N, C-alpha and C. Protein backbone atom coordinates (compact mmCIF):
# COMPACT_ATOMS: atom_id res chain seq x y z
N MET A 1 41.66 15.36 2.00
CA MET A 1 41.61 14.03 1.44
C MET A 1 40.15 13.61 1.33
N ALA A 2 39.75 13.14 0.19
CA ALA A 2 38.37 12.73 -0.04
C ALA A 2 38.10 11.41 0.66
N LYS A 3 36.89 11.33 1.22
CA LYS A 3 36.48 10.09 1.88
C LYS A 3 36.11 9.05 0.84
N LYS A 4 36.51 7.84 1.12
CA LYS A 4 36.10 6.74 0.25
C LYS A 4 34.70 6.32 0.64
N LYS A 5 33.91 6.00 -0.36
CA LYS A 5 32.56 5.53 -0.11
C LYS A 5 32.65 4.12 0.47
N ALA A 6 31.99 3.92 1.60
CA ALA A 6 32.01 2.60 2.23
C ALA A 6 31.33 1.59 1.32
N PRO A 7 31.89 0.39 1.21
CA PRO A 7 31.25 -0.62 0.36
C PRO A 7 29.88 -0.98 0.93
N THR A 8 28.92 -1.10 0.03
CA THR A 8 27.57 -1.44 0.48
C THR A 8 27.42 -2.95 0.53
N ARG A 9 26.67 -3.39 1.52
CA ARG A 9 26.39 -4.82 1.65
C ARG A 9 25.34 -5.22 0.64
N LYS A 10 25.53 -6.30 0.00
CA LYS A 10 24.54 -6.79 -0.95
C LYS A 10 23.36 -7.37 -0.17
N ARG A 11 22.18 -6.91 -0.49
CA ARG A 11 20.97 -7.38 0.19
C ARG A 11 20.45 -8.63 -0.51
N PRO A 12 19.98 -9.61 0.27
CA PRO A 12 19.45 -10.81 -0.38
C PRO A 12 18.17 -10.47 -1.15
N PRO A 13 17.93 -11.15 -2.24
CA PRO A 13 16.71 -10.86 -3.02
C PRO A 13 15.45 -11.19 -2.24
N LEU A 14 14.40 -10.43 -2.47
CA LEU A 14 13.13 -10.67 -1.79
C LEU A 14 12.58 -12.05 -2.09
N GLU A 15 12.92 -12.60 -3.27
CA GLU A 15 12.47 -13.93 -3.64
C GLU A 15 13.03 -15.01 -2.71
N ALA A 16 14.14 -14.72 -2.03
CA ALA A 16 14.70 -15.68 -1.09
C ALA A 16 13.84 -15.78 0.17
N ARG A 17 13.16 -14.70 0.51
CA ARG A 17 12.32 -14.68 1.71
C ARG A 17 10.85 -14.96 1.40
N PHE A 18 10.39 -14.52 0.23
CA PHE A 18 8.97 -14.61 -0.11
C PHE A 18 8.73 -15.43 -1.36
N GLU A 19 7.63 -16.17 -1.35
CA GLU A 19 7.12 -16.84 -2.54
C GLU A 19 6.08 -15.91 -3.14
N PHE A 20 6.29 -15.47 -4.37
CA PHE A 20 5.32 -14.59 -5.03
C PHE A 20 4.20 -15.45 -5.58
N VAL A 21 2.97 -15.14 -5.19
CA VAL A 21 1.79 -15.92 -5.56
C VAL A 21 1.15 -15.26 -6.79
N GLY A 22 1.42 -15.78 -7.95
CA GLY A 22 0.83 -15.24 -9.18
C GLY A 22 1.43 -13.90 -9.56
N ASP A 23 0.71 -13.22 -10.46
CA ASP A 23 1.13 -11.91 -10.93
C ASP A 23 0.72 -10.84 -9.93
N ALA A 24 1.13 -9.62 -10.21
CA ALA A 24 0.77 -8.50 -9.34
C ALA A 24 -0.75 -8.35 -9.28
N ILE A 25 -1.29 -8.11 -8.06
CA ILE A 25 -2.73 -7.87 -7.95
C ILE A 25 -3.05 -6.42 -8.30
N ALA A 26 -2.04 -5.58 -8.30
CA ALA A 26 -2.20 -4.20 -8.74
C ALA A 26 -1.00 -3.85 -9.60
N PRO A 27 -1.02 -4.31 -10.85
CA PRO A 27 0.12 -4.02 -11.72
C PRO A 27 0.09 -2.56 -12.15
N ILE A 28 1.23 -1.95 -12.11
CA ILE A 28 1.39 -0.55 -12.50
C ILE A 28 2.61 -0.50 -13.41
N ASP A 29 2.73 0.56 -14.18
CA ASP A 29 3.93 0.75 -14.99
C ASP A 29 5.09 1.02 -14.05
N ARG A 30 5.80 -0.04 -13.70
CA ARG A 30 6.85 0.08 -12.68
C ARG A 30 8.04 0.87 -13.18
N SER A 31 8.16 1.09 -14.47
CA SER A 31 9.28 1.89 -14.97
C SER A 31 9.07 3.37 -14.68
N ALA A 32 7.86 3.75 -14.31
CA ALA A 32 7.55 5.15 -14.05
C ALA A 32 7.59 5.47 -12.56
N LEU A 33 8.40 4.73 -11.79
CA LEU A 33 8.54 4.94 -10.35
C LEU A 33 7.21 4.79 -9.62
N ARG A 34 6.34 3.95 -10.13
CA ARG A 34 5.06 3.65 -9.49
C ARG A 34 5.17 2.27 -8.87
N SER A 35 4.35 2.02 -7.90
CA SER A 35 4.43 0.74 -7.19
C SER A 35 3.55 -0.33 -7.83
N ALA A 36 3.85 -1.56 -7.47
CA ALA A 36 3.01 -2.69 -7.84
C ALA A 36 2.81 -3.50 -6.56
N ILE A 37 1.64 -4.13 -6.42
CA ILE A 37 1.32 -4.89 -5.22
C ILE A 37 1.24 -6.38 -5.59
N PHE A 38 1.94 -7.19 -4.80
CA PHE A 38 1.98 -8.63 -5.01
C PHE A 38 1.47 -9.35 -3.77
N GLU A 39 0.77 -10.45 -3.98
CA GLU A 39 0.47 -11.34 -2.87
C GLU A 39 1.69 -12.24 -2.71
N VAL A 40 2.16 -12.37 -1.47
CA VAL A 40 3.34 -13.20 -1.20
C VAL A 40 3.08 -14.08 0.02
N GLU A 41 3.84 -15.15 0.09
CA GLU A 41 3.87 -16.00 1.28
C GLU A 41 5.29 -16.02 1.79
N GLU A 42 5.43 -15.80 3.09
CA GLU A 42 6.76 -15.86 3.69
C GLU A 42 7.20 -17.32 3.70
N ARG A 43 8.38 -17.60 3.19
CA ARG A 43 8.85 -18.98 3.05
C ARG A 43 9.00 -19.68 4.40
N ASP A 44 9.48 -18.99 5.41
CA ASP A 44 9.73 -19.62 6.71
C ASP A 44 8.44 -19.95 7.46
N THR A 45 7.43 -19.07 7.36
CA THR A 45 6.22 -19.24 8.17
C THR A 45 4.99 -19.65 7.38
N GLY A 46 5.00 -19.40 6.07
CA GLY A 46 3.82 -19.67 5.25
C GLY A 46 2.75 -18.60 5.37
N ALA A 47 3.04 -17.54 6.13
CA ALA A 47 2.07 -16.46 6.32
C ALA A 47 1.91 -15.66 5.02
N GLY A 48 0.65 -15.25 4.75
CA GLY A 48 0.36 -14.49 3.54
C GLY A 48 0.35 -12.99 3.81
N TYR A 49 0.89 -12.24 2.86
CA TYR A 49 0.96 -10.78 2.97
C TYR A 49 0.74 -10.15 1.60
N ASN A 50 0.57 -8.84 1.60
CA ASN A 50 0.68 -8.04 0.39
C ASN A 50 2.05 -7.37 0.45
N LEU A 51 2.75 -7.34 -0.67
CA LEU A 51 4.05 -6.69 -0.75
C LEU A 51 3.97 -5.64 -1.84
N LYS A 52 4.10 -4.39 -1.41
CA LYS A 52 4.05 -3.27 -2.35
C LYS A 52 5.49 -2.89 -2.69
N LEU A 53 5.82 -2.95 -3.98
CA LEU A 53 7.20 -2.74 -4.42
C LEU A 53 7.35 -1.56 -5.36
N TRP A 54 8.45 -0.82 -5.16
CA TRP A 54 8.88 0.23 -6.07
C TRP A 54 10.22 -0.20 -6.62
N ARG A 55 10.33 -0.28 -7.93
CA ARG A 55 11.59 -0.69 -8.56
C ARG A 55 12.62 0.43 -8.44
N LYS A 56 13.85 0.05 -8.10
CA LYS A 56 14.93 1.02 -8.03
C LYS A 56 15.36 1.40 -9.44
N THR A 57 16.00 2.56 -9.55
CA THR A 57 16.45 3.04 -10.86
C THR A 57 17.90 2.65 -11.16
N ASN A 58 18.63 2.22 -10.12
CA ASN A 58 20.06 1.91 -10.23
C ASN A 58 20.86 3.11 -10.69
N THR A 59 20.43 4.29 -10.24
CA THR A 59 21.15 5.53 -10.48
C THR A 59 21.30 6.26 -9.15
N ALA A 60 21.90 7.42 -9.19
CA ALA A 60 22.06 8.23 -7.97
C ALA A 60 20.71 8.66 -7.41
N VAL A 61 19.68 8.62 -8.22
CA VAL A 61 18.34 8.99 -7.77
C VAL A 61 17.87 8.06 -6.65
N ASP A 62 18.37 6.83 -6.64
CA ASP A 62 17.95 5.87 -5.61
C ASP A 62 18.25 6.37 -4.20
N ASP A 63 19.34 7.11 -4.03
CA ASP A 63 19.64 7.66 -2.70
C ASP A 63 18.57 8.66 -2.27
N ASP A 64 18.12 9.50 -3.20
CA ASP A 64 17.04 10.44 -2.90
C ASP A 64 15.73 9.70 -2.64
N LEU A 65 15.47 8.69 -3.46
CA LEU A 65 14.26 7.89 -3.25
C LEU A 65 14.28 7.19 -1.90
N ARG A 66 15.45 6.70 -1.49
CA ARG A 66 15.57 6.04 -0.19
C ARG A 66 15.25 7.03 0.93
N GLN A 67 15.73 8.25 0.82
CA GLN A 67 15.45 9.26 1.85
C GLN A 67 13.96 9.58 1.91
N LEU A 68 13.31 9.71 0.75
CA LEU A 68 11.86 9.94 0.72
C LEU A 68 11.12 8.74 1.31
N TRP A 69 11.55 7.56 0.96
CA TRP A 69 10.95 6.32 1.44
C TRP A 69 11.09 6.22 2.96
N LEU A 70 12.28 6.53 3.50
CA LEU A 70 12.50 6.50 4.95
C LEU A 70 11.63 7.54 5.65
N HIS A 71 11.46 8.71 5.03
CA HIS A 71 10.60 9.75 5.60
C HIS A 71 9.15 9.25 5.67
N GLU A 72 8.68 8.64 4.60
CA GLU A 72 7.31 8.13 4.60
C GLU A 72 7.15 6.99 5.61
N MET A 73 8.18 6.18 5.78
CA MET A 73 8.12 5.12 6.79
C MET A 73 7.91 5.73 8.18
N ARG A 74 8.66 6.77 8.51
CA ARG A 74 8.50 7.41 9.82
C ARG A 74 7.12 8.02 9.98
N GLN A 75 6.63 8.66 8.91
CA GLN A 75 5.29 9.25 8.96
C GLN A 75 4.23 8.17 9.19
N MET A 76 4.39 7.05 8.52
CA MET A 76 3.42 5.96 8.63
C MET A 76 3.44 5.37 10.03
N GLN A 77 4.62 5.20 10.61
CA GLN A 77 4.72 4.67 11.96
C GLN A 77 4.05 5.62 12.95
N ARG A 78 4.27 6.91 12.79
CA ARG A 78 3.62 7.90 13.65
C ARG A 78 2.11 7.85 13.48
N LEU A 79 1.66 7.77 12.26
CA LEU A 79 0.24 7.76 11.97
C LEU A 79 -0.45 6.54 12.57
N MET A 80 0.18 5.38 12.50
CA MET A 80 -0.45 4.15 12.98
C MET A 80 -0.55 4.10 14.50
N SER A 81 0.15 4.99 15.20
CA SER A 81 0.03 5.03 16.65
C SER A 81 -1.22 5.80 17.09
N TYR A 82 -1.89 6.46 16.16
CA TYR A 82 -3.10 7.23 16.46
C TYR A 82 -4.26 6.25 16.69
N GLY A 83 -5.06 6.52 17.71
CA GLY A 83 -6.19 5.65 18.03
C GLY A 83 -7.16 5.51 16.87
N GLY A 84 -7.50 4.28 16.52
CA GLY A 84 -8.46 4.00 15.45
C GLY A 84 -7.85 3.91 14.07
N ALA A 85 -6.57 4.24 13.93
CA ALA A 85 -5.94 4.23 12.61
C ALA A 85 -5.92 2.83 12.01
N ARG A 86 -5.67 1.82 12.82
CA ARG A 86 -5.56 0.45 12.30
C ARG A 86 -6.88 -0.08 11.74
N GLU A 87 -7.99 0.56 12.10
CA GLU A 87 -9.30 0.14 11.59
C GLU A 87 -9.53 0.61 10.16
N VAL A 88 -8.91 1.72 9.77
CA VAL A 88 -9.23 2.33 8.47
C VAL A 88 -8.01 2.61 7.59
N ILE A 89 -6.82 2.35 8.10
CA ILE A 89 -5.60 2.55 7.33
C ILE A 89 -4.81 1.25 7.38
N VAL A 90 -4.32 0.80 6.26
CA VAL A 90 -3.58 -0.45 6.20
C VAL A 90 -2.25 -0.28 6.93
N ASP A 91 -2.03 -1.15 7.90
CA ASP A 91 -0.82 -1.10 8.71
C ASP A 91 0.38 -1.55 7.89
N VAL A 92 1.54 -1.13 8.31
CA VAL A 92 2.79 -1.57 7.71
C VAL A 92 3.44 -2.54 8.69
N ILE A 93 3.69 -3.75 8.23
CA ILE A 93 4.33 -4.75 9.08
C ILE A 93 5.83 -4.52 9.09
N GLU A 94 6.36 -4.26 7.90
CA GLU A 94 7.81 -4.12 7.79
C GLU A 94 8.15 -3.41 6.49
N PHE A 95 9.25 -2.69 6.51
CA PHE A 95 9.78 -2.08 5.31
C PHE A 95 10.95 -2.93 4.86
N VAL A 96 10.97 -3.31 3.58
CA VAL A 96 11.99 -4.23 3.07
C VAL A 96 12.69 -3.59 1.87
N GLU A 97 13.90 -4.08 1.62
CA GLU A 97 14.65 -3.57 0.49
C GLU A 97 15.60 -4.65 0.02
N ASP A 98 15.75 -4.76 -1.29
CA ASP A 98 16.80 -5.61 -1.84
C ASP A 98 17.52 -4.79 -2.90
N GLU A 99 18.31 -5.42 -3.73
CA GLU A 99 19.10 -4.69 -4.73
C GLU A 99 18.22 -4.07 -5.82
N GLU A 100 17.02 -4.60 -6.04
CA GLU A 100 16.17 -4.13 -7.13
C GLU A 100 14.97 -3.30 -6.70
N ASN A 101 14.53 -3.44 -5.43
CA ASN A 101 13.27 -2.82 -5.01
C ASN A 101 13.32 -2.25 -3.60
N PHE A 102 12.50 -1.23 -3.39
CA PHE A 102 12.09 -0.81 -2.06
C PHE A 102 10.72 -1.45 -1.86
N GLY A 103 10.38 -1.85 -0.65
CA GLY A 103 9.09 -2.50 -0.46
C GLY A 103 8.47 -2.25 0.90
N VAL A 104 7.16 -2.47 0.94
CA VAL A 104 6.37 -2.35 2.16
C VAL A 104 5.57 -3.64 2.30
N LEU A 105 5.76 -4.33 3.42
CA LEU A 105 5.04 -5.56 3.70
C LEU A 105 3.80 -5.20 4.52
N GLN A 106 2.63 -5.63 4.03
CA GLN A 106 1.37 -5.28 4.67
C GLN A 106 0.48 -6.52 4.80
N PRO A 107 -0.46 -6.48 5.74
CA PRO A 107 -1.40 -7.61 5.84
C PRO A 107 -2.24 -7.70 4.57
N GLN A 108 -2.73 -8.90 4.28
CA GLN A 108 -3.63 -9.08 3.13
C GLN A 108 -5.02 -8.61 3.54
N LEU A 109 -5.39 -7.44 3.08
CA LEU A 109 -6.69 -6.87 3.43
C LEU A 109 -7.55 -6.60 2.20
N GLY A 110 -7.25 -7.25 1.12
CA GLY A 110 -8.04 -7.05 -0.08
C GLY A 110 -7.19 -6.59 -1.24
N GLN A 111 -7.87 -6.00 -2.22
CA GLN A 111 -7.22 -5.52 -3.43
C GLN A 111 -7.54 -4.05 -3.61
N PRO A 112 -6.69 -3.33 -4.35
CA PRO A 112 -7.02 -1.95 -4.65
C PRO A 112 -8.36 -1.88 -5.40
N LEU A 113 -9.15 -0.88 -5.06
CA LEU A 113 -10.47 -0.73 -5.66
C LEU A 113 -10.39 -0.68 -7.18
N ALA A 114 -9.34 -0.05 -7.73
CA ALA A 114 -9.21 0.05 -9.19
C ALA A 114 -9.18 -1.34 -9.83
N GLN A 115 -8.46 -2.28 -9.22
CA GLN A 115 -8.38 -3.63 -9.75
C GLN A 115 -9.68 -4.39 -9.51
N ARG A 116 -10.28 -4.21 -8.36
CA ARG A 116 -11.53 -4.89 -8.02
C ARG A 116 -12.64 -4.48 -8.99
N LEU A 117 -12.71 -3.20 -9.33
CA LEU A 117 -13.77 -2.70 -10.22
C LEU A 117 -13.71 -3.35 -11.60
N LYS A 118 -12.52 -3.71 -12.04
CA LYS A 118 -12.36 -4.32 -13.37
C LYS A 118 -12.97 -5.71 -13.45
N ARG A 119 -13.11 -6.38 -12.29
CA ARG A 119 -13.55 -7.78 -12.30
C ARG A 119 -14.92 -8.01 -11.67
N LEU A 120 -15.63 -6.96 -11.35
CA LEU A 120 -16.92 -7.12 -10.68
C LEU A 120 -18.00 -7.65 -11.62
N PRO A 121 -18.79 -8.60 -11.15
CA PRO A 121 -19.94 -9.03 -11.96
C PRO A 121 -21.02 -7.94 -11.96
N ARG A 122 -21.91 -8.00 -12.91
CA ARG A 122 -22.96 -6.98 -13.04
C ARG A 122 -23.84 -6.87 -11.81
N GLN A 123 -24.04 -7.96 -11.09
CA GLN A 123 -24.94 -7.93 -9.95
C GLN A 123 -24.27 -7.45 -8.66
N HIS A 124 -22.98 -7.15 -8.69
CA HIS A 124 -22.28 -6.68 -7.49
C HIS A 124 -22.87 -5.36 -7.01
N TRP A 125 -22.87 -5.15 -5.70
CA TRP A 125 -23.50 -3.97 -5.12
C TRP A 125 -22.92 -2.67 -5.65
N LEU A 126 -21.63 -2.63 -6.00
CA LEU A 126 -21.03 -1.39 -6.53
C LEU A 126 -21.57 -1.04 -7.92
N LYS A 127 -22.10 -2.02 -8.60
CA LYS A 127 -22.68 -1.76 -9.93
C LYS A 127 -24.19 -1.60 -9.85
N ASN A 128 -24.74 -1.63 -8.65
CA ASN A 128 -26.18 -1.49 -8.45
C ASN A 128 -26.48 -0.45 -7.37
N LEU A 129 -25.92 0.73 -7.55
CA LEU A 129 -26.09 1.77 -6.53
C LEU A 129 -27.49 2.38 -6.53
N GLY A 130 -28.35 1.92 -7.41
CA GLY A 130 -29.75 2.35 -7.38
C GLY A 130 -30.51 1.69 -6.24
N ALA A 131 -30.00 0.57 -5.74
CA ALA A 131 -30.64 -0.14 -4.63
C ALA A 131 -30.24 0.52 -3.31
N ILE A 132 -31.19 0.64 -2.41
CA ILE A 132 -30.95 1.31 -1.13
C ILE A 132 -29.82 0.63 -0.36
N ARG A 133 -29.86 -0.69 -0.26
CA ARG A 133 -28.82 -1.41 0.50
C ARG A 133 -27.44 -1.15 -0.08
N SER A 134 -27.33 -1.09 -1.40
CA SER A 134 -26.04 -0.83 -2.04
C SER A 134 -25.55 0.58 -1.72
N ARG A 135 -26.45 1.55 -1.75
CA ARG A 135 -26.06 2.94 -1.44
C ARG A 135 -25.63 3.06 0.02
N VAL A 136 -26.31 2.38 0.92
CA VAL A 136 -25.94 2.43 2.33
C VAL A 136 -24.52 1.88 2.50
N LEU A 137 -24.23 0.75 1.88
CA LEU A 137 -22.90 0.16 1.97
C LEU A 137 -21.85 1.08 1.34
N PHE A 138 -22.19 1.68 0.20
CA PHE A 138 -21.28 2.62 -0.46
C PHE A 138 -20.93 3.77 0.48
N TRP A 139 -21.92 4.40 1.10
CA TRP A 139 -21.67 5.56 1.95
C TRP A 139 -20.97 5.17 3.25
N ARG A 140 -21.18 3.95 3.73
CA ARG A 140 -20.43 3.50 4.91
C ARG A 140 -18.95 3.34 4.56
N ASN A 141 -18.66 2.84 3.37
CA ASN A 141 -17.27 2.75 2.92
C ASN A 141 -16.66 4.13 2.75
N VAL A 142 -17.41 5.05 2.18
CA VAL A 142 -16.92 6.43 2.05
C VAL A 142 -16.64 7.00 3.44
N GLY A 143 -17.51 6.70 4.40
CA GLY A 143 -17.30 7.16 5.77
C GLY A 143 -15.99 6.65 6.36
N ARG A 144 -15.64 5.41 6.05
CA ARG A 144 -14.38 4.85 6.52
C ARG A 144 -13.19 5.61 5.92
N LEU A 145 -13.30 5.97 4.65
CA LEU A 145 -12.22 6.73 4.01
C LEU A 145 -12.11 8.14 4.58
N VAL A 146 -13.25 8.75 4.87
CA VAL A 146 -13.26 10.08 5.47
C VAL A 146 -12.60 10.01 6.85
N LYS A 147 -12.90 8.97 7.61
CA LYS A 147 -12.28 8.79 8.93
C LYS A 147 -10.76 8.65 8.77
N ALA A 148 -10.32 7.86 7.79
CA ALA A 148 -8.89 7.67 7.55
C ALA A 148 -8.22 9.00 7.20
N LEU A 149 -8.84 9.76 6.31
CA LEU A 149 -8.26 11.06 5.94
C LEU A 149 -8.27 12.02 7.12
N GLY A 150 -9.29 11.94 7.96
CA GLY A 150 -9.32 12.77 9.16
C GLY A 150 -8.15 12.47 10.08
N ILE A 151 -7.80 11.19 10.20
CA ILE A 151 -6.66 10.80 11.03
C ILE A 151 -5.37 11.33 10.40
N VAL A 152 -5.24 11.18 9.09
CA VAL A 152 -4.06 11.69 8.39
C VAL A 152 -3.93 13.20 8.64
N HIS A 153 -5.02 13.93 8.46
CA HIS A 153 -4.98 15.39 8.62
C HIS A 153 -4.73 15.79 10.08
N SER A 154 -5.26 15.01 11.04
CA SER A 154 -5.06 15.34 12.45
C SER A 154 -3.59 15.24 12.85
N GLN A 155 -2.81 14.50 12.07
CA GLN A 155 -1.39 14.36 12.34
C GLN A 155 -0.55 15.38 11.57
N GLY A 156 -1.24 16.35 10.96
CA GLY A 156 -0.53 17.40 10.24
C GLY A 156 -0.02 16.97 8.88
N LEU A 157 -0.61 15.92 8.33
CA LEU A 157 -0.21 15.43 7.02
C LEU A 157 -1.29 15.70 6.00
N VAL A 158 -0.88 15.80 4.77
CA VAL A 158 -1.81 15.93 3.66
C VAL A 158 -1.58 14.72 2.77
N HIS A 159 -2.63 13.93 2.53
CA HIS A 159 -2.50 12.74 1.70
C HIS A 159 -2.16 13.13 0.28
N GLY A 160 -1.37 12.30 -0.37
CA GLY A 160 -1.06 12.53 -1.78
C GLY A 160 -2.30 12.25 -2.62
N SER A 161 -2.12 11.78 -3.79
CA SER A 161 -3.22 11.49 -4.71
C SER A 161 -4.19 10.48 -4.10
N LEU A 162 -5.46 10.83 -4.05
CA LEU A 162 -6.49 9.91 -3.56
C LEU A 162 -7.24 9.38 -4.77
N SER A 163 -7.11 8.08 -4.99
CA SER A 163 -7.73 7.46 -6.16
C SER A 163 -8.11 6.02 -5.82
N GLU A 164 -8.68 5.34 -6.81
CA GLU A 164 -9.05 3.93 -6.62
C GLU A 164 -7.84 3.05 -6.37
N ASP A 165 -6.64 3.55 -6.70
CA ASP A 165 -5.42 2.76 -6.51
C ASP A 165 -4.97 2.72 -5.05
N VAL A 166 -5.41 3.65 -4.22
CA VAL A 166 -4.96 3.69 -2.82
C VAL A 166 -6.05 3.28 -1.84
N VAL A 167 -7.15 2.76 -2.35
CA VAL A 167 -8.24 2.27 -1.50
C VAL A 167 -8.28 0.75 -1.64
N LEU A 168 -8.09 0.04 -0.52
CA LEU A 168 -8.19 -1.41 -0.53
C LEU A 168 -9.60 -1.80 -0.14
N THR A 169 -10.10 -2.84 -0.77
CA THR A 169 -11.42 -3.33 -0.43
C THR A 169 -11.46 -4.84 -0.58
N ARG A 170 -12.37 -5.45 0.16
CA ARG A 170 -12.63 -6.89 0.03
C ARG A 170 -14.03 -7.04 -0.49
N ASP A 171 -14.30 -8.15 -1.10
CA ASP A 171 -15.62 -8.38 -1.66
C ASP A 171 -16.55 -8.90 -0.57
N ARG A 172 -17.06 -7.99 0.22
CA ARG A 172 -17.96 -8.35 1.31
C ARG A 172 -19.18 -7.46 1.27
N LYS A 173 -20.16 -7.84 2.04
CA LYS A 173 -21.39 -7.05 2.12
C LYS A 173 -21.38 -6.16 3.36
N THR A 174 -20.17 -5.94 3.91
CA THR A 174 -19.98 -5.01 5.02
C THR A 174 -18.88 -4.03 4.61
N PRO A 175 -18.86 -2.84 5.22
CA PRO A 175 -17.82 -1.88 4.85
C PRO A 175 -16.42 -2.41 5.14
N THR A 176 -15.56 -2.37 4.13
CA THR A 176 -14.19 -2.88 4.30
C THR A 176 -13.15 -1.94 3.73
N SER A 177 -13.53 -0.81 3.18
CA SER A 177 -12.55 0.07 2.55
C SER A 177 -11.54 0.58 3.55
N THR A 178 -10.26 0.51 3.16
CA THR A 178 -9.19 1.03 3.98
C THR A 178 -8.23 1.81 3.09
N LEU A 179 -7.59 2.79 3.67
CA LEU A 179 -6.62 3.59 2.96
C LEU A 179 -5.31 2.82 2.91
N LEU A 180 -4.77 2.61 1.72
CA LEU A 180 -3.61 1.76 1.54
C LEU A 180 -2.33 2.38 2.09
N ASP A 181 -2.08 3.62 1.80
CA ASP A 181 -0.84 4.25 2.25
C ASP A 181 -0.99 5.76 2.18
N LEU A 182 0.10 6.45 2.46
CA LEU A 182 0.06 7.91 2.46
C LEU A 182 0.23 8.48 1.05
N ASN A 183 0.69 7.67 0.12
CA ASN A 183 0.82 8.07 -1.28
C ASN A 183 1.49 9.43 -1.43
N GLY A 184 2.65 9.55 -0.86
CA GLY A 184 3.42 10.79 -1.00
C GLY A 184 2.90 11.91 -0.13
N ALA A 185 2.36 11.57 1.03
CA ALA A 185 1.85 12.61 1.92
C ALA A 185 2.97 13.54 2.34
N CYS A 186 2.62 14.76 2.60
CA CYS A 186 3.61 15.72 3.07
C CYS A 186 3.07 16.37 4.34
N GLY A 187 3.96 16.81 5.15
CA GLY A 187 3.52 17.46 6.38
C GLY A 187 4.68 18.10 7.09
């Protein structure tokens, strides 16, 4: 006798818990199973976060995606227990899901470098790497990313695609680059 599939509970929409502040700070073609990052405020507390969302396909593929997502959640939790990881890798506060999206709630630690580069004024240090001070800051940020990747590798993981989309930065005159996520790391 075939087992009946247990009815799934309908998850409340993320909009019921979070106020989305403006458009995505890192808009991506969400139809291509890529994520988008939104600034949100939790309605109950008023606390601000970044919410990284992957749109569901509403097909059987979602079950496979959920398994991959759960695997990455476990890898991320293991990784964040490593000493010094929280300094250079963006922590995960919570993993969330509703009927339309899988999501990762993270502290607001800046914007992806790809988005930041599009809006930089000409006098910004990243556009003036000929200056000694700018180069020093650039290499200190690179050092933070190298440290983050070293932590990832020390845990037996290999980071997925490393690009401007997975590096968070703030507009400061001190090193602030952090690795956003594992981006499909395997190990």
